[in-house]
Amino acid sequence: AGAFVKDAGREALRQAGRRPGSADPRLGLVLATNFGPMESLEWCWR
């Protein structure tokens, strides 16, 4: 799920001429999900 977020977020930033990882204090992030990174919780259970 984190890889999905990074892939889509990177594409959006690049289209706007921005680079991922270049810290911008005026750039916010809103994530939206039903289950969150559930693969991680399944790893915990296993």
All heavy atoms as atom14 arrays in JSON, in Angstrom:
{
  "sequence": "AGAFVKDAGREALRQAGRRPGSADPRLGLVLATNFGPMESLEWCWR",
  "atom14_mask": [
    [1, 1, 1, 1, 1, 0, 0, 0, 0, 0, 0, 0, 0, 0],
    [1, 1, 1, 1, 0, 0, 0, 0, 0, 0, 0, 0, 0, 0],
    [1, 1, 1, 1, 1, 0, 0, 0, 0, 0, 0, 0, 0, 0],
    [1, 1, 1, 1, 1, 1, 1, 1, 1, 1, 1, 0, 0, 0],
    [1, 1, 1, 1, 1, 1, 1, 0, 0, 0, 0, 0, 0, 0],
    [1, 1, 1, 1, 1, 1, 1, 1, 1, 0, 0, 0, 0, 0],
    [1, 1, 1, 1, 1, 1, 1, 1, 0, 0, 0, 0, 0, 0],
    [1, 1, 1, 1, 1, 0, 0, 0, 0, 0, 0, 0, 0, 0],
    [1, 1, 1, 1, 0, 0, 0, 0, 0, 0, 0, 0, 0, 0],
    [1, 1, 1, 1, 1, 1, 1, 1, 1, 1, 1, 0, 0, 0],
    [1, 1, 1, 1, 1, 1, 1, 1, 1, 0, 0, 0, 0, 0],
    [1, 1, 1, 1, 1, 0, 0, 0, 0, 0, 0, 0, 0, 0],
    [1, 1, 1, 1, 1, 1, 1, 1, 0, 0, 0, 0, 0, 0],
    [1, 1, 1, 1, 1, 1, 1, 1, 1, 1, 1, 0, 0, 0],
    [1, 1, 1, 1, 1, 1, 1, 1, 1, 0, 0, 0, 0, 0],
    [1, 1, 1, 1, 1, 0, 0, 0, 0, 0, 0, 0, 0, 0],
    [1, 1, 1, 1, 0, 0, 0, 0, 0, 0, 0, 0, 0, 0],
    [1, 1, 1, 1, 1, 1, 1, 1, 1, 1, 1, 0, 0, 0],
    [1, 1, 1, 1, 1, 1, 1, 1, 1, 1, 1, 0, 0, 0],
    [1, 1, 1, 1, 1, 1, 1, 0, 0, 0, 0, 0, 0, 0],
    [1, 1, 1, 1, 0, 0, 0, 0, 0, 0, 0, 0, 0, 0],
    [1, 1, 1, 1, 1, 1, 0, 0, 0, 0, 0, 0, 0, 0],
    [1, 1, 1, 1, 1, 0, 0, 0, 0, 0, 0, 0, 0, 0],
    [1, 1, 1, 1, 1, 1, 1, 1, 0, 0, 0, 0, 0, 0],
    [1, 1, 1, 1, 1, 1, 1, 0, 0, 0, 0, 0, 0, 0],
    [1, 1, 1, 1, 1, 1, 1, 1, 1, 1, 1, 0, 0, 0],
    [1, 1, 1, 1, 1, 1, 1, 1, 0, 0, 0, 0, 0, 0],
    [1, 1, 1, 1, 0, 0, 0, 0, 0, 0, 0, 0, 0, 0],
    [1, 1, 1, 1, 1, 1, 1, 1, 0, 0, 0, 0, 0, 0],
    [1, 1, 1, 1, 1, 1, 1, 0, 0, 0, 0, 0, 0, 0],
    [1, 1, 1, 1, 1, 1, 1, 1, 0, 0, 0, 0, 0, 0],
    [1, 1, 1, 1, 1, 0, 0, 0, 0, 0, 0, 0, 0, 0],
    [1, 1, 1, 1, 1, 1, 1, 0, 0, 0, 0, 0, 0, 0],
    [1, 1, 1, 1, 1, 1, 1, 1, 0, 0, 0, 0, 0, 0],
    [1, 1, 1, 1, 1, 1, 1, 1, 1, 1, 1, 0, 0, 0],
    [1, 1, 1, 1, 0, 0, 0, 0, 0, 0, 0, 0, 0, 0],
    [1, 1, 1, 1, 1, 1, 1, 0, 0, 0, 0, 0, 0, 0],
    [1, 1, 1, 1, 1, 1, 1, 1, 0, 0, 0, 0, 0, 0],
    [1, 1, 1, 1, 1, 1, 1, 1, 1, 0, 0, 0, 0, 0],
    [1, 1, 1, 1, 1, 1, 0, 0, 0, 0, 0, 0, 0, 0],
    [1, 1, 1, 1, 1, 1, 1, 1, 0, 0, 0, 0, 0, 0],
    [1, 1, 1, 1, 1, 1, 1, 1, 1, 0, 0, 0, 0, 0],
    [1, 1, 1, 1, 1, 1, 1, 1, 1, 1, 1, 1, 1, 1],
    [1, 1, 1, 1, 1, 1, 0, 0, 0, 0, 0, 0, 0, 0],
    [1, 1, 1, 1, 1, 1, 1, 1, 1, 1, 1, 1, 1, 1],
    [1, 1, 1, 1, 1, 1, 1, 1, 1, 1, 1, 0, 0, 0]
  ],
  "atom14_positions": [
    [[0.84, -1.2, 0.0], [0.0, 0.0, 0.0], [0.87, 1.25, 0.0], [0.56, 2.24, -0.68], [-0.93, 0.01, 1.21], [0.0, 0.0, 0.0], [0.0, 0.0, 0.0], [0.0, 0.0, 0.0], [0.0, 0.0, 0.0], [0.0, 0.0, 0.0], [0.0, 0.0, 0.0], [0.0, 0.0, 0.0], [0.0, 0.0, 0.0], [0.0, 0.0, 0.0]],
    [[1.97, 1.22, 0.74], [2.89, 2.34, 0.75], [3.54, 2.55, -0.61], [3.76, 3.69, -1.04], [0.0, 0.0, 0.0], [0.0, 0.0, 0.0], [0.0, 0.0, 0.0], [0.0, 0.0, 0.0], [0.0, 0.0, 0.0], [0.0, 0.0, 0.0], [0.0, 0.0, 0.0], [0.0, 0.0, 0.0], [0.0, 0.0, 0.0], [0.0, 0.0, 0.0]],
    [[3.84, 1.45, -1.3], [4.4, 1.56, -2.64], [3.39, 2.2, -3.59], [3.77, 3.01, -4.46], [4.81, 0.18, -3.14], [0.0, 0.0, 0.0], [0.0, 0.0, 0.0], [0.0, 0.0, 0.0], [0.0, 0.0, 0.0], [0.0, 0.0, 0.0], [0.0, 0.0, 0.0], [0.0, 0.0, 0.0], [0.0, 0.0, 0.0], [0.0, 0.0, 0.0]],
    [[2.11, 1.84, -3.44], [1.06, 2.48, -4.25], [1.05, 3.99, -4.0], [0.99, 4.79, -4.95], [-0.32, 1.93, -3.88], [-0.59, 0.51, -4.28], [-1.65, -0.19, -3.71], [0.19, -0.15, -5.22], [-1.94, -1.49, -4.07], [-0.08, -1.47, -5.59], [-1.15, -2.14, -5.0], [0.0, 0.0, 0.0], [0.0, 0.0, 0.0], [0.0, 0.0, 0.0]],
    [[1.07, 4.37, -2.73], [1.01, 5.79, -2.36], [2.2, 6.54, -2.95], [2.04, 7.63, -3.55], [0.98, 5.95, -0.83], [1.2, 7.4, -0.42], [-0.36, 5.46, -0.28], [0.0, 0.0, 0.0], [0.0, 0.0, 0.0], [0.0, 0.0, 0.0], [0.0, 0.0, 0.0], [0.0, 0.0, 0.0], [0.0, 0.0, 0.0], [0.0, 0.0, 0.0]],
    [[3.38, 5.98, -2.83], [4.58, 6.64, -3.35], [4.52, 6.75, -4.87], [4.9, 7.79, -5.44], [5.82, 5.87, -2.91], [6.14, 6.01, -1.43], [7.39, 5.24, -1.05], [7.74, 5.43, 0.42], [8.97, 4.69, 0.81], [0.0, 0.0, 0.0], [0.0, 0.0, 0.0], [0.0, 0.0, 0.0], [0.0, 0.0, 0.0], [0.0, 0.0, 0.0]],
    [[4.06, 5.71, -5.54], [4.02, 5.71, -7.01], [3.06, 6.79, -7.52], [3.41, 7.58, -8.41], [3.6, 4.33, -7.51], [3.84, 4.14, -8.99], [4.96, 4.45, -9.46], [2.93, 3.66, -9.7], [0.0, 0.0, 0.0], [0.0, 0.0, 0.0], [0.0, 0.0, 0.0], [0.0, 0.0, 0.0], [0.0, 0.0, 0.0], [0.0, 0.0, 0.0]],
    [[1.84, 6.82, -6.96], [0.86, 7.81, -7.41], [1.26, 9.22, -7.0], [1.14, 10.16, -7.78], [-0.52, 7.46, -6.85], [0.0, 0.0, 0.0], [0.0, 0.0, 0.0], [0.0, 0.0, 0.0], [0.0, 0.0, 0.0], [0.0, 0.0, 0.0], [0.0, 0.0, 0.0], [0.0, 0.0, 0.0], [0.0, 0.0, 0.0], [0.0, 0.0, 0.0]],
    [[1.75, 9.37, -5.77], [2.16, 10.7, -5.3], [3.32, 11.26, -6.1], [3.34, 12.45, -6.43], [0.0, 0.0, 0.0], [0.0, 0.0, 0.0], [0.0, 0.0, 0.0], [0.0, 0.0, 0.0], [0.0, 0.0, 0.0], [0.0, 0.0, 0.0], [0.0, 0.0, 0.0], [0.0, 0.0, 0.0], [0.0, 0.0, 0.0], [0.0, 0.0, 0.0]],
    [[4.28, 10.4, -6.42], [5.42, 10.83, -7.22], [4.98, 11.32, -8.6], [5.46, 12.35, -9.09], [6.4, 9.66, -7.36], [7.55, 9.89, -8.32], [8.5, 8.72, -8.3], [7.85, 7.45, -8.62], [8.46, 6.27, -8.51], [9.71, 6.19, -8.07], [7.81, 5.15, -8.82], [0.0, 0.0, 0.0], [0.0, 0.0, 0.0], [0.0, 0.0, 0.0]],
    [[4.04, 10.6, -9.23], [3.55, 11.01, -10.54], [2.89, 12.38, -10.49], [3.12, 13.24, -11.35], [2.57, 9.98, -11.1], [2.07, 10.34, -12.49], [0.98, 9.41, -13.02], [0.54, 8.52, -12.26], [0.56, 9.59, -14.18], [0.0, 0.0, 0.0], [0.0, 0.0, 0.0], [0.0, 0.0, 0.0], [0.0, 0.0, 0.0], [0.0, 0.0, 0.0]],
    [[2.08, 12.61, -9.44], [1.41, 13.9, -9.31], [2.41, 15.03, -9.1], [2.29, 16.11, -9.69], [0.42, 13.85, -8.15], [0.0, 0.0, 0.0], [0.0, 0.0, 0.0], [0.0, 0.0, 0.0], [0.0, 0.0, 0.0], [0.0, 0.0, 0.0], [0.0, 0.0, 0.0], [0.0, 0.0, 0.0], [0.0, 0.0, 0.0], [0.0, 0.0, 0.0]],
    [[3.42, 14.79, -8.27], [4.43, 15.82, -8.02], [5.23, 16.12, -9.29], [5.48, 17.28, -9.62], [5.37, 15.37, -6.9], [4.78, 15.34, -5.48], [5.74, 14.66, -4.52], [4.43, 16.74, -4.99], [0.0, 0.0, 0.0], [0.0, 0.0, 0.0], [0.0, 0.0, 0.0], [0.0, 0.0, 0.0], [0.0, 0.0, 0.0], [0.0, 0.0, 0.0]],
    [[5.63, 15.07, -9.98], [6.43, 15.26, -11.19], [5.66, 16.01, -12.26], [6.24, 16.83, -13.0], [6.91, 13.91, -11.72], [8.04, 13.3, -10.89], [8.44, 11.94, -11.43], [9.64, 11.43, -10.74], [10.12, 10.21, -10.9], [9.53, 9.37, -11.74], [11.19, 9.82, -10.24], [0.0, 0.0, 0.0], [0.0, 0.0, 0.0], [0.0, 0.0, 0.0]],
    [[4.37, 15.76, -12.37], [3.58, 16.47, -13.37], [3.57, 17.97, -13.07], [3.49, 18.79, -14.0], [2.15, 15.94, -13.41], [1.33, 16.52, -14.56], [-0.03, 15.87, -14.69], [-0.59, 15.35, -13.73], [-0.59, 15.89, -15.9], [0.0, 0.0, 0.0], [0.0, 0.0, 0.0], [0.0, 0.0, 0.0], [0.0, 0.0, 0.0], [0.0, 0.0, 0.0]],
    [[3.68, 18.3, -11.81], [3.71, 19.71, -11.41], [5.13, 20.27, -11.36], [5.34, 21.4, -10.9], [3.05, 19.87, -10.04], [0.0, 0.0, 0.0], [0.0, 0.0, 0.0], [0.0, 0.0, 0.0], [0.0, 0.0, 0.0], [0.0, 0.0, 0.0], [0.0, 0.0, 0.0], [0.0, 0.0, 0.0], [0.0, 0.0, 0.0], [0.0, 0.0, 0.0]],
    [[6.11, 19.48, -11.82], [7.49, 19.95, -11.85], [8.18, 19.92, -10.5], [9.16, 20.65, -10.29], [0.0, 0.0, 0.0], [0.0, 0.0, 0.0], [0.0, 0.0, 0.0], [0.0, 0.0, 0.0], [0.0, 0.0, 0.0], [0.0, 0.0, 0.0], [0.0, 0.0, 0.0], [0.0, 0.0, 0.0], [0.0, 0.0, 0.0], [0.0, 0.0, 0.0]],
    [[7.72, 19.05, -9.59], [8.3, 18.97, -8.26], [8.97, 17.61, -8.07], [8.64, 16.65, -8.76], [7.23, 19.18, -7.18], [6.48, 20.5, -7.34], [5.42, 20.66, -6.27], [6.01, 20.85, -4.96], [6.39, 22.03, -4.48], [6.25, 23.13, -5.2], [6.91, 22.14, -3.28], [0.0, 0.0, 0.0], [0.0, 0.0, 0.0], [0.0, 0.0, 0.0]],
    [[9.9, 17.54, -7.11], [10.62, 16.3, -6.84], [10.19, 15.71, -5.51], [10.16, 16.42, -4.5], [12.14, 16.55, -6.8], [12.81, 16.7, -8.13], [14.33, 16.66, -8.0], [14.85, 17.55, -6.96], [15.42, 17.13, -5.83], [15.52, 15.84, -5.57], [15.88, 18.01, -4.96], [0.0, 0.0, 0.0], [0.0, 0.0, 0.0], [0.0, 0.0, 0.0]],
    [[9.89, 14.38, -5.48], [9.63, 13.75, -4.18], [10.85, 13.87, -3.28], [11.99, 13.83, -3.76], [9.37, 12.29, -4.55], [9.04, 12.29, -6.0], [9.79, 13.44, -6.6], [0.0, 0.0, 0.0], [0.0, 0.0, 0.0], [0.0, 0.0, 0.0], [0.0, 0.0, 0.0], [0.0, 0.0, 0.0], [0.0, 0.0, 0.0], [0.0, 0.0, 0.0]],
    [[10.62, 14.04, -2.01], [11.71, 14.06, -1.06], [12.29, 15.44, -0.78], [13.03, 15.62, 0.19], [0.0, 0.0, 0.0], [0.0, 0.0, 0.0], [0.0, 0.0, 0.0], [0.0, 0.0, 0.0], [0.0, 0.0, 0.0], [0.0, 0.0, 0.0], [0.0, 0.0, 0.0], [0.0, 0.0, 0.0], [0.0, 0.0, 0.0], [0.0, 0.0, 0.0]],
    [[11.98, 16.4, -1.61], [12.44, 17.77, -1.38], [11.49, 18.44, -0.4], [10.4, 18.87, -0.77], [12.5, 18.54, -2.71], [12.96, 19.84, -2.52], [0.0, 0.0, 0.0], [0.0, 0.0, 0.0], [0.0, 0.0, 0.0], [0.0, 0.0, 0.0], [0.0, 0.0, 0.0], [0.0, 0.0, 0.0], [0.0, 0.0, 0.0], [0.0, 0.0, 0.0]],
    [[11.88, 18.49, 0.86], [10.96, 18.9, 1.94], [10.43, 20.32, 1.73], [11.2, 21.26, 1.54], [11.66, 18.81, 3.28], [0.0, 0.0, 0.0], [0.0, 0.0, 0.0], [0.0, 0.0, 0.0], [0.0, 0.0, 0.0], [0.0, 0.0, 0.0], [0.0, 0.0, 0.0], [0.0, 0.0, 0.0], [0.0, 0.0, 0.0], [0.0, 0.0, 0.0]],
    [[9.11, 20.43, 1.75], [8.43, 21.71, 1.55], [7.49, 21.93, 2.73], [6.48, 21.24, 2.85], [7.65, 21.69, 0.23], [6.91, 22.99, -0.04], [6.89, 23.87, 0.84], [6.33, 23.11, -1.15], [0.0, 0.0, 0.0], [0.0, 0.0, 0.0], [0.0, 0.0, 0.0], [0.0, 0.0, 0.0], [0.0, 0.0, 0.0], [0.0, 0.0, 0.0]],
    [[7.79, 22.88, 3.62], [6.94, 23.1, 4.8], [5.56, 23.65, 4.47], [4.69, 23.67, 5.33], [7.75, 24.11, 5.63], [8.64, 24.79, 4.65], [8.96, 23.78, 3.6], [0.0, 0.0, 0.0], [0.0, 0.0, 0.0], [0.0, 0.0, 0.0], [0.0, 0.0, 0.0], [0.0, 0.0, 0.0], [0.0, 0.0, 0.0], [0.0, 0.0, 0.0]],
    [[5.35, 24.09, 3.23], [4.04, 24.6, 2.82], [3.27, 23.58, 1.99], [2.23, 23.9, 1.42], [4.2, 25.9, 2.04], [4.84, 27.03, 2.83], [4.02, 27.4, 4.05], [2.7, 27.93, 3.68], [1.7, 28.13, 4.52], [1.84, 27.8, 5.8], [0.55, 28.63, 4.11], [0.0, 0.0, 0.0], [0.0, 0.0, 0.0], [0.0, 0.0, 0.0]],
    [[3.81, 22.35, 1.92], [3.14, 21.26, 1.2], [2.57, 20.29, 2.22], [3.3, 19.67, 3.0], [4.12, 20.54, 0.28], [3.63, 19.24, -0.4], [2.44, 19.51, -1.31], [4.78, 18.59, -1.18], [0.0, 0.0, 0.0], [0.0, 0.0, 0.0], [0.0, 0.0, 0.0], [0.0, 0.0, 0.0], [0.0, 0.0, 0.0], [0.0, 0.0, 0.0]],
    [[1.23, 20.14, 2.23], [0.58, 19.22, 3.14], [0.28, 17.88, 2.49], [0.4, 17.72, 1.27], [0.0, 0.0, 0.0], [0.0, 0.0, 0.0], [0.0, 0.0, 0.0], [0.0, 0.0, 0.0], [0.0, 0.0, 0.0], [0.0, 0.0, 0.0], [0.0, 0.0, 0.0], [0.0, 0.0, 0.0], [0.0, 0.0, 0.0], [0.0, 0.0, 0.0]],
    [[-0.12, 16.92, 3.31], [-0.48, 15.58, 2.83], [-1.76, 15.13, 3.51], [-1.87, 15.18, 4.74], [0.65, 14.59, 3.14], [0.37, 13.11, 2.82], [0.25, 12.9, 1.32], [1.47, 12.22, 3.41], [0.0, 0.0, 0.0], [0.0, 0.0, 0.0], [0.0, 0.0, 0.0], [0.0, 0.0, 0.0], [0.0, 0.0, 0.0], [0.0, 0.0, 0.0]],
    [[-2.74, 14.7, 2.71], [-3.95, 14.08, 3.24], [-4.08, 12.7, 2.63], [-4.2, 12.56, 1.41], [-5.21, 14.92, 2.92], [-6.46, 14.2, 3.46], [-5.11, 16.32, 3.51], [0.0, 0.0, 0.0], [0.0, 0.0, 0.0], [0.0, 0.0, 0.0], [0.0, 0.0, 0.0], [0.0, 0.0, 0.0], [0.0, 0.0, 0.0], [0.0, 0.0, 0.0]],
    [[-4.03, 11.67, 3.46], [-4.21, 10.3, 3.03], [-5.64, 9.85, 3.36], [-6.21, 10.27, 4.36], [-3.22, 9.37, 3.74], [-1.73, 9.62, 3.47], [-0.9, 8.68, 4.33], [-1.41, 9.44, 2.0], [0.0, 0.0, 0.0], [0.0, 0.0, 0.0], [0.0, 0.0, 0.0], [0.0, 0.0, 0.0], [0.0, 0.0, 0.0], [0.0, 0.0, 0.0]],
    [[-6.19, 9.0, 2.49], [-7.55, 8.5, 2.69], [-7.57, 7.02, 2.39], [-7.02, 6.57, 1.38], [-8.52, 9.24, 1.76], [0.0, 0.0, 0.0], [0.0, 0.0, 0.0], [0.0, 0.0, 0.0], [0.0, 0.0, 0.0], [0.0, 0.0, 0.0], [0.0, 0.0, 0.0], [0.0, 0.0, 0.0], [0.0, 0.0, 0.0], [0.0, 0.0, 0.0]],
    [[-8.2, 6.24, 3.26], [-8.18, 4.79, 3.1], [-9.31, 4.13, 3.86], [-9.88, 4.71, 4.78], [-6.83, 4.23, 3.6], [-6.75, 2.83, 3.35], [-6.64, 4.49, 5.08], [0.0, 0.0, 0.0], [0.0, 0.0, 0.0], [0.0, 0.0, 0.0], [0.0, 0.0, 0.0], [0.0, 0.0, 0.0], [0.0, 0.0, 0.0], [0.0, 0.0, 0.0]],
    [[-9.64, 2.91, 3.47], [-10.55, 2.07, 4.26], [-9.77, 1.22, 5.26], [-10.06, 1.2, 6.45], [-11.36, 1.14, 3.36], [-12.53, 1.83, 2.7], [-12.61, 3.05, 2.66], [-13.43, 1.05, 2.13], [0.0, 0.0, 0.0], [0.0, 0.0, 0.0], [0.0, 0.0, 0.0], [0.0, 0.0, 0.0], [0.0, 0.0, 0.0], [0.0, 0.0, 0.0]],
    [[-8.77, 0.49, 4.76], [-8.07, -0.49, 5.58], [-6.67, -0.06, 6.01], [-6.08, -0.68, 6.9], [-7.95, -1.82, 4.81], [-9.26, -2.53, 4.62], [-9.92, -2.49, 3.41], [-9.83, -3.24, 5.66], [-11.13, -3.15, 3.23], [-11.03, -3.9, 5.49], [-11.7, -3.86, 4.28], [0.0, 0.0, 0.0], [0.0, 0.0, 0.0], [0.0, 0.0, 0.0]],
    [[-6.1, 0.95, 5.37], [-4.73, 1.34, 5.69], [-3.74, 0.3, 5.18], [-4.07, -0.56, 4.36], [0.0, 0.0, 0.0], [0.0, 0.0, 0.0], [0.0, 0.0, 0.0], [0.0, 0.0, 0.0], [0.0, 0.0, 0.0], [0.0, 0.0, 0.0], [0.0, 0.0, 0.0], [0.0, 0.0, 0.0], [0.0, 0.0, 0.0], [0.0, 0.0, 0.0]],
    [[-2.5, 0.34, 5.67], [-1.48, -0.61, 5.23], [-1.7, -1.99, 5.87], [-0.94, -2.42, 6.75], [-0.17, 0.04, 5.69], [-0.56, 0.86, 6.86], [-1.96, 1.36, 6.59], [0.0, 0.0, 0.0], [0.0, 0.0, 0.0], [0.0, 0.0, 0.0], [0.0, 0.0, 0.0], [0.0, 0.0, 0.0], [0.0, 0.0, 0.0], [0.0, 0.0, 0.0]],
    [[-2.74, -2.66, 5.42], [-3.16, -3.9, 6.07], [-2.16, -5.03, 5.89], [-2.09, -5.96, 6.71], [-4.54, -4.31, 5.54], [-5.17, -5.49, 6.26], [-5.27, -5.28, 8.05], [-6.44, -3.93, 8.17], [0.0, 0.0, 0.0], [0.0, 0.0, 0.0], [0.0, 0.0, 0.0], [0.0, 0.0, 0.0], [0.0, 0.0, 0.0], [0.0, 0.0, 0.0]],
    [[-1.36, -4.99, 4.83], [-0.34, -6.03, 4.65], [0.6, -6.06, 5.86], [1.01, -7.13, 6.3], [0.45, -5.75, 3.37], [1.4, -6.87, 2.98], [2.06, -6.6, 1.64], [2.76, -5.57, 1.51], [1.89, -7.42, 0.71], [0.0, 0.0, 0.0], [0.0, 0.0, 0.0], [0.0, 0.0, 0.0], [0.0, 0.0, 0.0], [0.0, 0.0, 0.0]],
    [[0.92, -4.89, 6.4], [1.79, -4.83, 7.57], [1.17, -5.52, 8.78], [1.84, -6.24, 9.53], [2.1, -3.36, 7.93], [2.86, -2.76, 6.92], [0.0, 0.0, 0.0], [0.0, 0.0, 0.0], [0.0, 0.0, 0.0], [0.0, 0.0, 0.0], [0.0, 0.0, 0.0], [0.0, 0.0, 0.0], [0.0, 0.0, 0.0], [0.0, 0.0, 0.0]],
    [[-0.14, -5.32, 8.98], [-0.8, -5.96, 10.11], [-0.9, -7.47, 9.9], [-0.81, -8.24, 10.87], [-2.19, -5.36, 10.32], [-2.22, -3.93, 10.86], [-3.65, -3.52, 11.18], [-1.35, -3.77, 12.09], [0.0, 0.0, 0.0], [0.0, 0.0, 0.0], [0.0, 0.0, 0.0], [0.0, 0.0, 0.0], [0.0, 0.0, 0.0], [0.0, 0.0, 0.0]],
    [[-1.07, -7.89, 8.65], [-1.06, -9.33, 8.39], [0.32, -9.92, 8.69], [0.42, -11.04, 9.22], [-1.47, -9.62, 6.95], [-2.96, -9.44, 6.71], [-3.43, -10.12, 5.44], [-2.65, -10.86, 4.8], [-4.61, -9.92, 5.08], [0.0, 0.0, 0.0], [0.0, 0.0, 0.0], [0.0, 0.0, 0.0], [0.0, 0.0, 0.0], [0.0, 0.0, 0.0]],
    [[1.37, -9.18, 8.38], [2.72, -9.63, 8.73], [2.84, -9.8, 10.24], [3.42, -10.78, 10.72], [3.77, -8.62, 8.26], [4.0, -8.6, 6.79], [3.71, -9.58, 5.89], [4.58, -7.53, 6.04], [4.06, -9.18, 4.61], [4.61, -7.93, 4.67], [5.08, -6.27, 6.37], [5.1, -7.12, 3.66], [5.59, -5.46, 5.36], [5.59, -5.88, 4.03]],
    [[2.29, -8.87, 11.0], [2.34, -8.95, 12.47], [1.64, -10.22, 12.96], [2.15, -10.94, 13.83], [1.7, -7.72, 13.09], [2.57, -6.18, 12.75], [0.0, 0.0, 0.0], [0.0, 0.0, 0.0], [0.0, 0.0, 0.0], [0.0, 0.0, 0.0], [0.0, 0.0, 0.0], [0.0, 0.0, 0.0], [0.0, 0.0, 0.0], [0.0, 0.0, 0.0]],
    [[0.48, -10.48, 12.39], [-0.27, -11.66, 12.8], [0.48, -12.94, 12.45], [0.59, -13.87, 13.26], [-1.65, -11.64, 12.13], [-2.44, -12.89, 12.37], [-3.12, -13.24, 13.5], [-2.63, -13.96, 11.44], [-3.73, -14.46, 13.33], [-3.45, -14.92, 12.08], [-2.21, -14.2, 10.14], [-3.84, -16.11, 11.45], [-2.6, -15.37, 9.51], [-3.4, -16.32, 10.17]],
    [[1.05, -12.99, 11.25], [1.78, -14.19, 10.83], [3.04, -14.38, 11.67], [3.46, -15.51, 11.94], [2.1, -14.12, 9.35], [0.86, -14.16, 8.46], [1.19, -14.13, 6.97], [0.0, -13.83, 6.18], [-0.96, -14.7, 5.9], [-0.87, -15.94, 6.37], [-2.0, -14.35, 5.17], [0.0, 0.0, 0.0], [0.0, 0.0, 0.0], [0.0, 0.0, 0.0]]
  ]
}
